[in-house]
Each structure stands twice: as structure tokens, then as C-alpha cells.
Amino acid sequence: MVLRVILQIVPHGDEDNIREIGRLDIFNKGRIGFDEYEYGVIDLTPKQEGLFNKTICHHRDHGAWILVYRAFMDLDIQ
């Protein structure tokens, strides 16, 4: 299963002109402890496409938004 984060621009609130400017796929690499999992991240932004070398350790009960936050902080996504 993949958690996909999509970043879009909606010019002047016009939904017909949405433009995607970034995308991240966060995927489960395996279980490393009680309710703790290791996640990998793929940057699907057109100019920086590729798999990050580092992984994230995350407790599932902390939720998806914390996982997304950690992807940006731990993997130094810029």
C-alpha cells in the first residue's frame, strides 16, 4: 500500500485549471518492532524523480499526517 501526497495549484480557485506541481509516494518497507514500521519515500516531482536513500521509522498509531511531516523533516526534502 502507498500513501500518496499530491501538491496542486488551483489558480483563483478554478478547479478546471488544477496543475500538479509535486507528488510523494510513501511506502511500507517492513515491520521493525511492535507497531513500528519502516517507510521509504519516492519523490515523483518531475525534476527530482527518484527514491530517497534514507527510510523513516514510524509508529502507525501516530497517524498519516505525522508520517508525511516526518518524510519532509527526516529525509530533508527541499
Protein backbone atom coordinates (compact mmCIF):
# COMPACT_ATOMS: atom_id res chain seq x y z
CA MET A 1 0.00 0.00 0.00
CA VAL A 2 1.22 3.50 -0.83
CA LEU A 3 0.38 6.79 0.88
CA ARG A 4 0.47 9.38 -1.91
CA VAL A 5 0.80 13.10 -1.23
CA ILE A 6 -0.10 15.34 -4.18
CA LEU A 7 0.65 19.07 -4.28
CA GLN A 8 -1.52 21.07 -6.67
CA ILE A 9 -2.04 24.68 -7.65
CA VAL A 10 -5.67 25.78 -8.12
CA PRO A 11 -5.46 29.16 -9.92
CA HIS A 12 -8.02 31.57 -8.49
CA GLY A 13 -10.00 28.62 -7.12
CA ASP A 14 -10.75 27.37 -10.64
CA GLU A 15 -10.90 23.58 -10.30
CA ASP A 16 -10.83 23.14 -14.09
CA ASN A 17 -7.29 24.56 -14.25
CA ILE A 18 -5.63 22.50 -11.50
CA ARG A 19 -1.96 21.86 -12.09
CA GLU A 20 0.05 19.24 -10.21
CA ILE A 21 3.45 20.52 -9.07
CA GLY A 22 4.65 17.70 -6.84
CA ARG A 23 3.98 14.18 -5.62
CA LEU A 24 5.45 11.87 -2.99
CA ASP A 25 4.80 8.17 -2.56
CA ILE A 26 5.43 6.81 0.93
CA PHE A 27 5.54 3.02 1.02
CA ASN A 28 5.86 0.41 3.75
CA LYS A 29 9.23 -1.38 3.67
CA GLY A 30 8.57 -3.65 6.63
CA ARG A 31 7.86 -4.06 10.31
CA ILE A 32 10.73 -3.34 12.72
CA GLY A 33 9.02 -3.65 16.08
CA PHE A 34 5.71 -3.60 17.89
CA ASP A 35 3.53 -1.28 15.78
CA GLU A 36 6.66 0.36 14.35
CA TYR A 37 7.27 0.23 10.63
CA GLU A 38 9.95 1.38 8.23
CA TYR A 39 8.84 3.53 5.31
CA GLY A 40 10.58 4.61 2.12
CA VAL A 41 9.76 7.68 0.05
CA ILE A 42 9.82 8.26 -3.69
CA ASP A 43 9.86 11.85 -4.92
CA LEU A 44 7.78 11.99 -8.09
CA THR A 45 8.34 15.70 -8.73
CA PRO A 46 9.23 15.92 -12.42
CA LYS A 47 12.71 17.46 -11.94
CA GLN A 48 13.75 15.38 -8.88
CA GLU A 49 12.23 11.97 -9.52
CA GLY A 50 13.84 9.18 -7.55
CA LEU A 51 13.98 7.08 -4.42
CA PHE A 52 15.46 8.61 -1.25
CA ASN A 53 18.31 6.66 0.32
CA LYS A 54 17.06 7.03 3.91
CA THR A 55 13.95 5.47 5.43
CA ILE A 56 11.55 6.61 8.16
CA CYS A 57 10.72 4.67 11.33
CA HIS A 58 7.14 5.41 12.34
CA HIS A 59 4.52 4.12 14.80
CA ARG A 60 1.28 3.60 12.91
CA ASP A 61 -0.86 4.90 15.77
CA HIS A 62 0.74 8.34 15.27
CA GLY A 63 -1.23 8.69 12.05
CA ALA A 64 -0.68 9.63 8.42
CA TRP A 65 -0.08 13.38 8.88
CA ILE A 66 2.81 12.75 11.26
CA LEU A 67 4.26 10.29 8.73
CA VAL A 68 4.05 12.94 5.98
CA TYR A 69 5.64 15.52 8.30
CA ARG A 70 8.47 13.11 9.13
CA ALA A 71 9.04 12.44 5.44
CA PHE A 72 9.70 16.14 4.91
CA MET A 73 11.79 16.56 8.07
CA ASP A 74 13.76 13.31 8.26
CA LEU A 75 14.51 12.95 4.56
CA ASP A 76 15.44 16.63 4.18
CA ILE A 77 13.07 17.13 1.25
CA GLN A 78 13.63 20.57 -0.22
